[in-house]
Amino acid sequence: MADFVDSTAFNFEQGQRARKLFAAVVLAALDDAIADDKKYGNGPDQIARWARSRDGREVLSCSGIDPNERVVKGLMEFVAKGVRTSVALSREESERRNAAELDQAEAA
């Protein structure tokens, strides 16, 4: 019984590592689309085309993201904002966004 539990835990850990790897691919695709948007102005279209492709849907599924149209629209909005993923995921950026939201709430 202990061997079964150990192998199940090991398989779960391997699955989590694979999911993180595919999530990194999604973040890289977002960064590439943001770079395309700054250079050519077609970033949201690029990420939408990728997310709707067979490879894009597979990568999104493997990273734990349901590849539906709502997700595609969210990815397009993220790319349109032009904030790189490393910046968007940083603590400073989240604190800045929270402070801006508080200022807007106080002003209203």
PDB file of N, CA and C in Angstrom:
ATOM      1  N   MET A   1       0.827  -1.199   0.000  1.00  0.00           N
ATOM      2  CA  MET A   1       0.000   0.000   0.000  1.00  0.00           C
ATOM      3  C   MET A   1       0.869   1.261   0.000  1.00  0.00           C
ATOM      4  N   ALA A   2       1.944   1.232   0.758  1.00  0.00           N
ATOM      5  CA  ALA A   2       2.828   2.391   0.822  1.00  0.00           C
ATOM      6  C   ALA A   2       3.470   2.660  -0.528  1.00  0.00           C
ATOM      7  N   ASP A   3       3.776   1.598  -1.277  1.00  0.00           N
ATOM      8  CA  ASP A   3       4.348   1.788  -2.617  1.00  0.00           C
ATOM      9  C   ASP A   3       3.375   2.481  -3.537  1.00  0.00           C
ATOM     10  N   PHE A   4       2.088   2.147  -3.418  1.00  0.00           N
ATOM     11  CA  PHE A   4       1.061   2.782  -4.242  1.00  0.00           C
ATOM     12  C   PHE A   4       0.969   4.270  -3.929  1.00  0.00           C
ATOM     13  N   VAL A   5       0.998   4.612  -2.648  1.00  0.00           N
ATOM     14  CA  VAL A   5       0.921   6.015  -2.235  1.00  0.00           C
ATOM     15  C   VAL A   5       2.148   6.774  -2.728  1.00  0.00           C
ATOM     16  N   ASP A   6       3.325   6.166  -2.615  1.00  0.00           N
ATOM     17  CA  ASP A   6       4.549   6.818  -3.080  1.00  0.00           C
ATOM     18  C   ASP A   6       4.518   7.060  -4.583  1.00  0.00           C
ATOM     19  N   SER A   7       4.065   6.070  -5.340  1.00  0.00           N
ATOM     20  CA  SER A   7       4.030   6.240  -6.789  1.00  0.00           C
ATOM     21  C   SER A   7       2.969   7.255  -7.187  1.00  0.00           C
ATOM     22  N   THR A   8       1.863   7.309  -6.475  1.00  0.00           N
ATOM     23  CA  THR A   8       0.831   8.301  -6.766  1.00  0.00           C
ATOM     24  C   THR A   8       1.346   9.706  -6.486  1.00  0.00           C
ATOM     25  N   ALA A   9       2.031   9.870  -5.371  1.00  0.00           N
ATOM     26  CA  ALA A   9       2.607  11.179  -5.039  1.00  0.00           C
ATOM     27  C   ALA A   9       3.659  11.575  -6.060  1.00  0.00           C
ATOM     28  N   PHE A  10       4.475  10.634  -6.496  1.00  0.00           N
ATOM     29  CA  PHE A  10       5.496  10.917  -7.496  1.00  0.00           C
ATOM     30  C   PHE A  10       4.848  11.327  -8.813  1.00  0.00           C
ATOM     31  N   ASN A  11       3.816  10.611  -9.237  1.00  0.00           N
ATOM     32  CA  ASN A  11       3.126  10.941 -10.488  1.00  0.00           C
ATOM     33  C   ASN A  11       2.469  12.311 -10.396  1.00  0.00           C
ATOM     34  N   PHE A  12       1.911  12.641  -9.247  1.00  0.00           N
ATOM     35  CA  PHE A  12       1.308  13.962  -9.064  1.00  0.00           C
ATOM     36  C   PHE A  12       2.355  15.056  -9.182  1.00  0.00           C
ATOM     37  N   GLU A  13       3.508  14.848  -8.555  1.00  0.00           N
ATOM     38  CA  GLU A  13       4.600  15.826  -8.627  1.00  0.00           C
ATOM     39  C   GLU A  13       5.087  15.997 -10.067  1.00  0.00           C
ATOM     40  N   GLN A  14       5.219  14.899 -10.792  1.00  0.00           N
ATOM     41  CA  GLN A  14       5.638  14.973 -12.196  1.00  0.00           C
ATOM     42  C   GLN A  14       4.611  15.754 -13.008  1.00  0.00           C
ATOM     43  N   GLY A  15       3.339  15.517 -12.745  1.00  0.00           N
ATOM     44  CA  GLY A  15       2.282  16.246 -13.446  1.00  0.00           C
ATOM     45  C   GLY A  15       2.328  17.733 -13.157  1.00  0.00           C
ATOM     46  N   GLN A  16       2.588  18.082 -11.914  1.00  0.00           N
ATOM     47  CA  GLN A  16       2.688  19.501 -11.549  1.00  0.00           C
ATOM     48  C   GLN A  16       3.877  20.159 -12.244  1.00  0.00           C
ATOM     49  N   ARG A  17       4.991  19.464 -12.335  1.00  0.00           N
ATOM     50  CA  ARG A  17       6.164  20.005 -13.031  1.00  0.00           C
ATOM     51  C   ARG A  17       5.874  20.205 -14.512  1.00  0.00           C
ATOM     52  N   ALA A  18       5.188  19.258 -15.113  1.00  0.00           N
ATOM     53  CA  ALA A  18       4.834  19.388 -16.534  1.00  0.00           C
ATOM     54  C   ALA A  18       3.886  20.561 -16.746  1.00  0.00           C
ATOM     55  N   ARG A  19       2.938  20.732 -15.845  1.00  0.00           N
ATOM     56  CA  ARG A  19       1.992  21.853 -15.953  1.00  0.00           C
ATOM     57  C   ARG A  19       2.730  23.190 -15.867  1.00  0.00           C
ATOM     58  N   LYS A  20       3.702  23.285 -14.970  1.00  0.00           N
ATOM     59  CA  LYS A  20       4.488  24.515 -14.849  1.00  0.00           C
ATOM     60  C   LYS A  20       5.297  24.784 -16.110  1.00  0.00           C
ATOM     61  N   LEU A  21       5.815  23.726 -16.709  1.00  0.00           N
ATOM     62  CA  LEU A  21       6.578  23.872 -17.942  1.00  0.00           C
ATOM     63  C   LEU A  21       5.687  24.426 -19.061  1.00  0.00           C
ATOM     64  N   PHE A  22       4.500  23.883 -19.200  1.00  0.00           N
ATOM     65  CA  PHE A  22       3.589  24.378 -20.231  1.00  0.00           C
ATOM     66  C   PHE A  22       3.099  25.785 -19.918  1.00  0.00           C
ATOM     67  N   ALA A  23       2.941  26.116 -18.639  1.00  0.00           N
ATOM     68  CA  ALA A  23       2.566  27.482 -18.275  1.00  0.00           C
ATOM     69  C   ALA A  23       3.670  28.457 -18.674  1.00  0.00           C
ATOM     70  N   ALA A  24       4.914  28.040 -18.571  1.00  0.00           N
ATOM     71  CA  ALA A  24       6.034  28.889 -19.005  1.00  0.00           C
ATOM     72  C   ALA A  24       5.981  29.111 -20.512  1.00  0.00           C
ATOM     73  N   VAL A  25       5.546  28.112 -21.256  1.00  0.00           N
ATOM     74  CA  VAL A  25       5.403  28.274 -22.710  1.00  0.00           C
ATOM     75  C   VAL A  25       4.309  29.295 -23.019  1.00  0.00           C
ATOM     76  N   VAL A  26       3.218  29.266 -22.263  1.00  0.00           N
ATOM     77  CA  VAL A  26       2.142  30.244 -22.458  1.00  0.00           C
ATOM     78  C   VAL A  26       2.665  31.650 -22.175  1.00  0.00           C
ATOM     79  N   LEU A  27       3.431  31.815 -21.102  1.00  0.00           N
ATOM     80  CA  LEU A  27       3.990  33.131 -20.779  1.00  0.00           C
ATOM     81  C   LEU A  27       4.948  33.606 -21.869  1.00  0.00           C
ATOM     82  N   ALA A  28       5.730  32.688 -22.426  1.00  0.00           N
ATOM     83  CA  ALA A  28       6.636  33.057 -23.513  1.00  0.00           C
ATOM     84  C   ALA A  28       5.853  33.472 -24.754  1.00  0.00           C
ATOM     85  N   ALA A  29       4.749  32.792 -25.037  1.00  0.00           N
ATOM     86  CA  ALA A  29       3.914  33.166 -26.178  1.00  0.00           C
ATOM     87  C   ALA A  29       3.313  34.557 -25.969  1.00  0.00           C
ATOM     88  N   LEU A  30       2.922  34.865 -24.742  1.00  0.00           N
ATOM     89  CA  LEU A  30       2.399  36.205 -24.439  1.00  0.00           C
ATOM     90  C   LEU A  30       3.474  37.263 -24.642  1.00  0.00           C
ATOM     91  N   ASP A  31       4.679  36.986 -24.161  1.00  0.00           N
ATOM     92  CA  ASP A  31       5.779  37.944 -24.343  1.00  0.00           C
ATOM     93  C   ASP A  31       6.090  38.160 -25.819  1.00  0.00           C
ATOM     94  N   ASP A  32       6.065  37.084 -26.594  1.00  0.00           N
ATOM     95  CA  ASP A  32       6.310  37.216 -28.036  1.00  0.00           C
ATOM     96  C   ASP A  32       5.225  38.058 -28.701  1.00  0.00           C
ATOM     97  N   ALA A  33       3.980  37.852 -28.298  1.00  0.00           N
ATOM     98  CA  ALA A  33       2.879  38.631 -28.877  1.00  0.00           C
ATOM     99  C   ALA A  33       2.987  40.099 -28.484  1.00  0.00           C
ATOM    100  N   ILE A  34       3.417  40.375 -27.260  1.00  0.00           N
ATOM    101  CA  ILE A  34       3.600  41.764 -26.822  1.00  0.00           C
ATOM    102  C   ILE A  34       4.707  42.421 -27.629  1.00  0.00           C
ATOM    103  N   ALA A  35       5.788  41.682 -27.870  1.00  0.00           N
ATOM    104  CA  ALA A  35       6.885  42.216 -28.690  1.00  0.00           C
ATOM    105  C   ALA A  35       6.396  42.482 -30.113  1.00  0.00           C
ATOM    106  N   ASP A  36       5.598  41.575 -30.672  1.00  0.00           N
ATOM    107  CA  ASP A  36       5.028  41.790 -32.004  1.00  0.00           C
ATOM    108  C   ASP A  36       4.115  42.998 -32.020  1.00  0.00           C
ATOM    109  N   ASP A  37       3.371  43.188 -30.936  1.00  0.00           N
ATOM    110  CA  ASP A  37       2.457  44.327 -30.874  1.00  0.00           C
ATOM    111  C   ASP A  37       3.227  45.647 -30.882  1.00  0.00           C
ATOM    112  N   LYS A  38       4.334  45.680 -30.148  1.00  0.00           N
ATOM    113  CA  LYS A  38       5.141  46.908 -30.109  1.00  0.00           C
ATOM    114  C   LYS A  38       5.842  47.160 -31.442  1.00  0.00           C
ATOM    115  N   LYS A  39       6.225  46.079 -32.128  1.00  0.00           N
ATOM    116  CA  LYS A  39       6.981  46.222 -33.362  1.00  0.00           C
ATOM    117  C   LYS A  39       6.079  46.376 -34.588  1.00  0.00           C
ATOM    118  N   TYR A  40       5.066  45.527 -34.696  1.00  0.00           N
ATOM    119  CA  TYR A  40       4.222  45.504 -35.891  1.00  0.00           C
ATOM    120  C   TYR A  40       2.776  45.940 -35.657  1.00  0.00           C
ATOM    121  N   GLY A  41       2.345  45.957 -34.394  1.00  0.00           N
ATOM    122  CA  GLY A  41       0.975  46.365 -34.082  1.00  0.00           C
ATOM    123  C   GLY A  41      -0.058  45.264 -34.229  1.00  0.00           C
ATOM    124  N   ASN A  42       0.377  44.002 -34.317  1.00  0.00           N
ATOM    125  CA  ASN A  42      -0.590  42.915 -34.488  1.00  0.00           C
ATOM    126  C   ASN A  42      -0.505  41.869 -33.376  1.00  0.00           C
ATOM    127  N   GLY A  43      -0.115  42.262 -32.189  1.00  0.00           N
ATOM    128  CA  GLY A  43       0.064  41.321 -31.080  1.00  0.00           C
ATOM    129  C   GLY A  43      -1.192  40.587 -30.672  1.00  0.00           C
ATOM    130  N   PRO A  44      -2.309  41.302 -30.441  1.00  0.00           N
ATOM    131  CA  PRO A  44      -3.531  40.583 -30.052  1.00  0.00           C
ATOM    132  C   PRO A  44      -3.992  39.581 -31.105  1.00  0.00           C
ATOM    133  N   ASP A  45      -3.828  39.927 -32.377  1.00  0.00           N
ATOM    134  CA  ASP A  45      -4.201  38.990 -33.434  1.00  0.00           C
ATOM    135  C   ASP A  45      -3.297  37.762 -33.422  1.00  0.00           C
ATOM    136  N   GLN A  46      -2.013  37.978 -33.161  1.00  0.00           N
ATOM    137  CA  GLN A  46      -1.056  36.876 -33.126  1.00  0.00           C
ATOM    138  C   GLN A  46      -1.373  35.898 -31.993  1.00  0.00           C
ATOM    139  N   ILE A  47      -1.638  36.429 -30.798  1.00  0.00           N
ATOM    140  CA  ILE A  47      -1.916  35.532 -29.668  1.00  0.00           C
ATOM    141  C   ILE A  47      -3.245  34.818 -29.870  1.00  0.00           C
ATOM    142  N   ALA A  48      -4.221  35.486 -30.487  1.00  0.00           N
ATOM    143  CA  ALA A  48      -5.510  34.840 -30.750  1.00  0.00           C
ATOM    144  C   ALA A  48      -5.339  33.716 -31.765  1.00  0.00           C
ATOM    145  N   ARG A  49      -4.560  33.957 -32.798  1.00  0.00           N
ATOM    146  CA  ARG A  49      -4.315  32.930 -33.812  1.00  0.00           C
ATOM    147  C   ARG A  49      -3.609  31.733 -33.177  1.00  0.00           C
ATOM    148  N   TRP A  50      -2.623  32.012 -32.303  1.00  0.00           N
ATOM    149  CA  TRP A  50      -1.904  30.924 -31.644  1.00  0.00           C
ATOM    150  C   TRP A  50      -2.824  30.149 -30.701  1.00  0.00           C
ATOM    151  N   ALA A  51      -3.610  30.869 -29.903  1.00  0.00           N
ATOM    152  CA  ALA A  51      -4.466  30.206 -28.913  1.00  0.00           C
ATOM    153  C   ALA A  51      -5.561  29.377 -29.573  1.00  0.00           C
ATOM    154  N   ARG A  52      -5.973  29.767 -30.766  1.00  0.00           N
ATOM    155  CA  ARG A  52      -7.010  29.013 -31.473  1.00  0.00           C
ATOM    156  C   ARG A  52      -6.442  27.873 -32.305  1.00  0.00           C
ATOM    157  N   SER A  53      -5.123  27.857 -32.488  1.00  0.00           N
ATOM    158  CA  SER A  53      -4.499  26.790 -33.269  1.00  0.00           C
ATOM    159  C   SER A  53      -4.501  25.489 -32.464  1.00  0.00           C
ATOM    160  N   ARG A  54      -4.245  24.405 -33.154  1.00  0.00           N
ATOM    161  CA  ARG A  54      -4.213  23.103 -32.484  1.00  0.00           C
ATOM    162  C   ARG A  54      -3.103  23.055 -31.441  1.00  0.00           C
ATOM    163  N   ASP A  55      -1.912  23.555 -31.795  1.00  0.00           N
ATOM    164  CA  ASP A  55      -0.794  23.563 -30.841  1.00  0.00           C
ATOM    165  C   ASP A  55      -1.097  24.455 -29.644  1.00  0.00           C
ATOM    166  N   GLY A  56      -1.673  25.618 -29.908  1.00  0.00           N
ATOM    167  CA  GLY A  56      -2.005  26.535 -28.818  1.00  0.00           C
ATOM    168  C   GLY A  56      -3.015  25.939 -27.859  1.00  0.00           C
ATOM    169  N   ARG A  57      -4.049  25.319 -28.415  1.00  0.00           N
ATOM    170  CA  ARG A  57      -5.056  24.680 -27.547  1.00  0.00           C
ATOM    171  C   ARG A  57      -4.434  23.567 -26.725  1.00  0.00           C
ATOM    172  N   GLU A  58      -3.527  22.812 -27.334  1.00  0.00           N
ATOM    173  CA  GLU A  58      -2.865  21.722 -26.614  1.00  0.00           C
ATOM    174  C   GLU A  58      -1.998  22.261 -25.473  1.00  0.00           C
ATOM    175  N   VAL A  59      -1.237  23.316 -25.746  1.00  0.00           N
ATOM    176  CA  VAL A  59      -0.375  23.903 -24.714  1.00  0.00           C
ATOM    177  C   VAL A  59      -1.227  24.497 -23.593  1.00  0.00           C
ATOM    178  N   LEU A  60      -2.293  25.199 -23.946  1.00  0.00           N
ATOM    179  CA  LEU A  60      -3.169  25.767 -22.918  1.00  0.00           C
ATOM    180  C   LEU A  60      -3.782  24.657 -22.063  1.00  0.00           C
ATOM    181  N   SER A  61      -4.238  23.588 -22.690  1.00  0.00           N
ATOM    182  CA  SER A  61      -4.816  22.469 -21.936  1.00  0.00           C
ATOM    183  C   SER A  61      -3.789  21.835 -21.012  1.00  0.00           C
ATOM    184  N   CYS A  62      -2.592  21.623 -21.505  1.00  0.00           N
ATOM    185  CA  CYS A  62      -1.546  20.991 -20.686  1.00  0.00           C
ATOM    186  C   CYS A  62      -1.097  21.889 -19.538  1.00  0.00           C
ATOM    187  N   SER A  63      -1.283  23.200 -19.684  1.00  0.00           N
ATOM    188  CA  SER A  63      -0.909  24.103 -18.596  1.00  0.00           C
ATOM    189  C   SER A  63      -2.051  24.288 -17.600  1.00  0.00           C
ATOM    190  N   GLY A  64      -3.176  23.645 -17.849  1.00  0.00           N
ATOM    191  CA  GLY A  64      -4.294  23.720 -16.912  1.00  0.00           C
ATOM    192  C   GLY A  64      -5.271  24.835 -17.230  1.00  0.00           C
ATOM    193  N   ILE A  65      -5.210  25.395 -18.442  1.00  0.00           N
ATOM    194  CA  ILE A  65      -6.099  26.479 -18.854  1.00  0.00           C
ATOM    195  C   ILE A  65      -7.074  25.926 -19.876  1.00  0.00           C
ATOM    196  N   ASP A  66      -8.361  26.153 -19.666  1.00  0.00           N
ATOM    197  CA  ASP A  66      -9.374  25.694 -20.609  1.00  0.00           C
ATOM    198  C   ASP A  66      -9.324  26.575 -21.851  1.00  0.00           C
ATOM    199  N   PRO A  67      -9.026  26.023 -23.020  1.00  0.00           N
ATOM    200  CA  PRO A  67      -8.844  26.850 -24.222  1.00  0.00           C
ATOM    201  C   PRO A  67     -10.155  27.256 -24.877  1.00  0.00           C
ATOM    202  N   ASN A  68     -10.949  28.069 -24.184  1.00  0.00           N
ATOM    203  CA  ASN A  68     -12.210  28.523 -24.756  1.00  0.00           C
ATOM    204  C   ASN A  68     -12.083  29.966 -25.252  1.00  0.00           C
ATOM    205  N   GLU A  69     -13.136  30.471 -25.836  1.00  0.00           N
ATOM    206  CA  GLU A  69     -13.086  31.799 -26.442  1.00  0.00           C
ATOM    207  C   GLU A  69     -12.909  32.901 -25.397  1.00  0.00           C
ATOM    208  N   ARG A  70     -13.427  32.692 -24.203  1.00  0.00           N
ATOM    209  CA  ARG A  70     -13.244  33.676 -23.127  1.00  0.00           C
ATOM    210  C   ARG A  70     -11.764  33.822 -22.774  1.00  0.00           C
ATOM    211  N   VAL A  71     -11.050  32.723 -22.754  1.00  0.00           N
ATOM    212  CA  VAL A  71      -9.612  32.749 -22.475  1.00  0.00           C
ATOM    213  C   VAL A  71      -8.880  33.476 -23.589  1.00  0.00           C
ATOM    214  N   VAL A  72      -9.269  33.219 -24.838  1.00  0.00           N
ATOM    215  CA  VAL A  72      -8.623  33.884 -25.974  1.00  0.00           C
ATOM    216  C   VAL A  72      -8.809  35.396 -25.867  1.00  0.00           C
ATOM    217  N   LYS A  73     -10.008  35.832 -25.522  1.00  0.00           N
ATOM    218  CA  LYS A  73     -10.254  37.269 -25.365  1.00  0.00           C
ATOM    219  C   LYS A  73      -9.420  37.849 -24.228  1.00  0.00           C
ATOM    220  N   GLY A  74      -9.278  37.102 -23.143  1.00  0.00           N
ATOM    221  CA  GLY A  74      -8.445  37.557 -22.032  1.00  0.00           C
ATOM    222  C   GLY A  74      -6.985  37.677 -22.421  1.00  0.00           C
ATOM    223  N   LEU A  75      -6.494  36.717 -23.189  1.00  0.00           N
ATOM    224  CA  LEU A  75      -5.112  36.784 -23.661  1.00  0.00           C
ATOM    225  C   LEU A  75      -4.918  37.993 -24.579  1.00  0.00           C
ATOM    226  N   MET A  76      -5.907  38.250 -25.434  1.00  0.00           N
ATOM    227  CA  MET A  76      -5.823  39.399 -26.339  1.00  0.00           C
ATOM    228  C   MET A  76      -5.803  40.711 -25.554  1.00  0.00           C
ATOM    229  N   GLU A  77      -6.638  40.809 -24.513  1.00  0.00           N
ATOM    230  CA  GLU A  77      -6.660  42.021 -23.685  1.00  0.00           C
ATOM    231  C   GLU A  77      -5.329  42.202 -22.960  1.00  0.00           C
ATOM    232  N   PHE A  78      -4.756  41.113 -22.477  1.00  0.00           N
ATOM    233  CA  PHE A  78      -3.470  41.189 -21.789  1.00  0.00           C
ATOM    234  C   PHE A  78      -2.391  41.703 -22.725  1.00  0.00           C
ATOM    235  N   VAL A  79      -2.364  41.185 -23.938  1.00  0.00           N
ATOM    236  CA  VAL A  79      -1.360  41.617 -24.912  1.00  0.00           C
ATOM    237  C   VAL A  79      -1.590  43.076 -25.287  1.00  0.00           C
ATOM    238  N   ALA A  80      -2.842  43.478 -25.410  1.00  0.00           N
ATOM    239  CA  ALA A  80      -3.149  44.863 -25.787  1.00  0.00           C
ATOM    240  C   ALA A  80      -2.671  45.855 -24.726  1.00  0.00           C
ATOM    241  N   LYS A  81      -2.641  45.435 -23.461  1.00  0.00           N
ATOM    242  CA  LYS A  81      -2.142  46.324 -22.400  1.00  0.00           C
ATOM    243  C   LYS A  81      -0.648  46.581 -22.546  1.00  0.00           C
ATOM    244  N   GLY A  82       0.078  45.637 -23.112  1.00  0.00           N
ATOM    245  CA  GLY A  82       1.493  45.827 -23.393  1.00  0.00           C
ATOM    246  C   GLY A  82       2.426  45.664 -22.211  1.00  0.00           C
ATOM    247  N   VAL A  83       1.964  45.091 -21.122  1.00  0.00           N
ATOM    248  CA  VAL A  83       2.814  44.880 -19.946  1.00  0.00           C
ATOM    249  C   VAL A  83       3.411  43.481 -20.033  1.00  0.00           C
ATOM    250  N   ARG A  84       4.729  43.388 -20.027  1.00  0.00           N
ATOM    251  CA  ARG A  84       5.392  42.090 -20.132  1.00  0.00           C
ATOM    252  C   ARG A  84       5.013  41.201 -18.952  1.00  0.00           C
ATOM    253  N   THR A  85       5.050  39.899 -19.162  1.00  0.00           N
ATOM    254  CA  THR A  85       4.597  38.974 -18.128  1.00  0.00           C
ATOM    255  C   THR A  85       5.465  39.040 -16.878  1.00  0.00           C
ATOM    256  N   SER A  86       6.754  39.237 -17.038  1.00  0.00           N
ATOM    257  CA  SER A  86       7.626  39.302 -15.864  1.00  0.00           C
ATOM    258  C   SER A  86       7.274  40.508 -15.004  1.00  0.00           C
ATOM    259  N   VAL A  87       6.894  41.608 -15.630  1.00  0.00           N
ATOM    260  CA  VAL A  87       6.500  42.805 -14.895  1.00  0.00           C
ATOM    261  C   VAL A  87       5.123  42.614 -14.277  1.00  0.00           C
ATOM    262  N   ALA A  88       4.200  42.038 -15.050  1.00  0.00           N
ATOM    263  CA  ALA A  88       2.833  41.850 -14.567  1.00  0.00           C
ATOM    264  C   ALA A  88       2.771  40.903 -13.375  1.00  0.00           C
ATOM    265  N   LEU A  89       3.691  39.971 -13.306  1.00  0.00           N
ATOM    266  CA  LEU A  89       3.697  39.002 -12.211  1.00  0.00           C
ATOM    267  C   LEU A  89       4.528  39.446 -11.014  1.00  0.00           C
ATOM    268  N   SER A  90       5.169  40.596 -11.116  1.00  0.00           N
ATOM    269  CA  SER A  90       6.020  41.048 -10.020  1.00  0.00           C
ATOM    270  C   SER A  90       5.196  41.650  -8.891  1.00  0.00           C
ATOM    271  N   ARG A  91       5.764  41.665  -7.723  1.00  0.00           N
ATOM    272  CA  ARG A  91       5.091  42.198  -6.543  1.00  0.00           C
ATOM    273  C   ARG A  91       4.872  43.705  -6.667  1.00  0.00           C
ATOM    274  N   GLU A  92       5.861  44.412  -7.198  1.00  0.00           N
ATOM    275  CA  GLU A  92       5.743  45.870  -7.322  1.00  0.00           C
ATOM    276  C   GLU A  92       4.574  46.264  -8.213  1.00  0.00           C
ATOM    277  N   GLU A  93       4.419  45.556  -9.314  1.00  0.00           N
ATOM    278  CA  GLU A  93       3.321  45.867 -10.235  1.00  0.00           C
ATOM    279  C   GLU A  93       1.971  45.606  -9.589  1.00  0.00           C
ATOM    280  N   SER A  94       1.847  44.509  -8.849  1.00  0.00           N
ATOM    281  CA  SER A  94       0.567  44.218  -8.212  1.00  0.00           C
ATOM    282  C   SER A  94       0.265  45.243  -7.120  1.00  0.00           C
ATOM    283  N   GLU A  95       1.288  45.683  -6.393  1.00  0.00           N
ATOM    284  CA  GLU A  95       1.070  46.724  -5.387  1.00  0.00           C
ATOM    285  C   GLU A  95       0.680  48.046  -6.033  1.00  0.00           C
ATOM    286  N   ARG A  96       1.295  48.366  -7.177  1.00  0.00           N
ATOM    287  CA  ARG A  96       0.963  49.599  -7.886  1.00  0.00           C
ATOM    288  C   ARG A  96      -0.484  49.549  -8.388  1.00  0.00           C
ATOM    289  N   ARG A  97      -0.889  48.401  -8.938  1.00  0.00           N
ATOM    290  CA  ARG A  97      -2.259  48.258  -9.421  1.00  0.00           C
ATOM    291  C   ARG A  97      -3.268  48.365  -8.292  1.00  0.00           C
ATOM    292  N   ASN A  98      -2.975  47.727  -7.155  1.00  0.00           N
ATOM    293  CA  ASN A  98      -3.874  47.800  -6.009  1.00  0.00           C
ATOM    294  C   ASN A  98      -3.997  49.229  -5.497  1.00  0.00           C
ATOM    295  N   ALA A  99      -2.880  49.969  -5.463  1.00  0.00           N
ATOM    296  CA  ALA A  99      -2.921  51.361  -5.016  1.00  0.00           C
ATOM    297  C   ALA A  99      -3.739  52.211  -5.984  1.00  0.00           C
ATOM    298  N   ALA A 100      -3.608  51.958  -7.274  1.00  0.00           N
ATOM    299  CA  ALA A 100      -4.384  52.708  -8.265  1.00  0.00           C
ATOM    300  C   ALA A 100      -5.876  52.412  -8.121  1.00  0.00           C
ATOM    301  N   GLU A 101      -6.219  51.167  -7.855  1.00  0.00           N
ATOM    302  CA  GLU A 101      -7.629  50.811  -7.659  1.00  0.00           C
ATOM    303  C   GLU A 101      -8.192  51.464  -6.414  1.00  0.00           C
ATOM    304  N   LEU A 102      -7.394  51.545  -5.338  1.00  0.00           N
ATOM    305  CA  LEU A 102      -7.849  52.207  -4.124  1.00  0.00           C
ATOM    306  C   LEU A 102      -8.072  53.702  -4.354  1.00  0.00           C
ATOM    307  N   ASP A 103      -7.152  54.311  -5.129  1.00  0.00           N
ATOM    308  CA  ASP A 103      -7.305  55.727  -5.439  1.00  0.00           C
ATOM    309  C   ASP A 103      -8.566  55.973  -6.250  1.00  0.00           C
ATOM    310  N   GLN A 104      -8.863  55.098  -7.185  1.00  0.00           N
ATOM    311  CA  GLN A 104     -10.088  55.246  -7.979  1.00  0.00           C
ATOM    312  C   GLN A 104     -11.321  55.060  -7.129  1.00  0.00           C
ATOM    313  N   ALA A 105     -11.279  54.116  -6.195  1.00  0.00           N
ATOM    314  CA  ALA A 105     -12.425  53.862  -5.318  1.00  0.00           C
ATOM    315  C   ALA A 105     -12.665  55.048  -4.403  1.00  0.00           C
ATOM    316  N   GLU A 106     -11.592  55.662  -3.895  1.00  0.00           N
ATOM    317  CA  GLU A 106     -11.729  56.831  -3.031  1.00  0.00           C
ATOM    318  C   GLU A 106     -12.244  58.044  -3.802  1.00  0.00           C
ATOM    319  N   ALA A 107     -11.835  58.174  -5.060  1.00  0.00           N
ATOM    320  CA  ALA A 107     -12.270  59.299  -5.871  1.00  0.00           C
ATOM    321  C   ALA A 107     -13.747  59.195  -6.243  1.00  0.00           C
ATOM    322  N   ALA A 108     -14.275  57.988  -6.286  1.00  0.00           N
ATOM    323  CA  ALA A 108     -15.671  57.789  -6.699  1.00  0.00           C
ATOM    324  C   ALA A 108     -16.645  58.014  -5.581  1.00  0.00           C
TER     325      ALA A 108
END
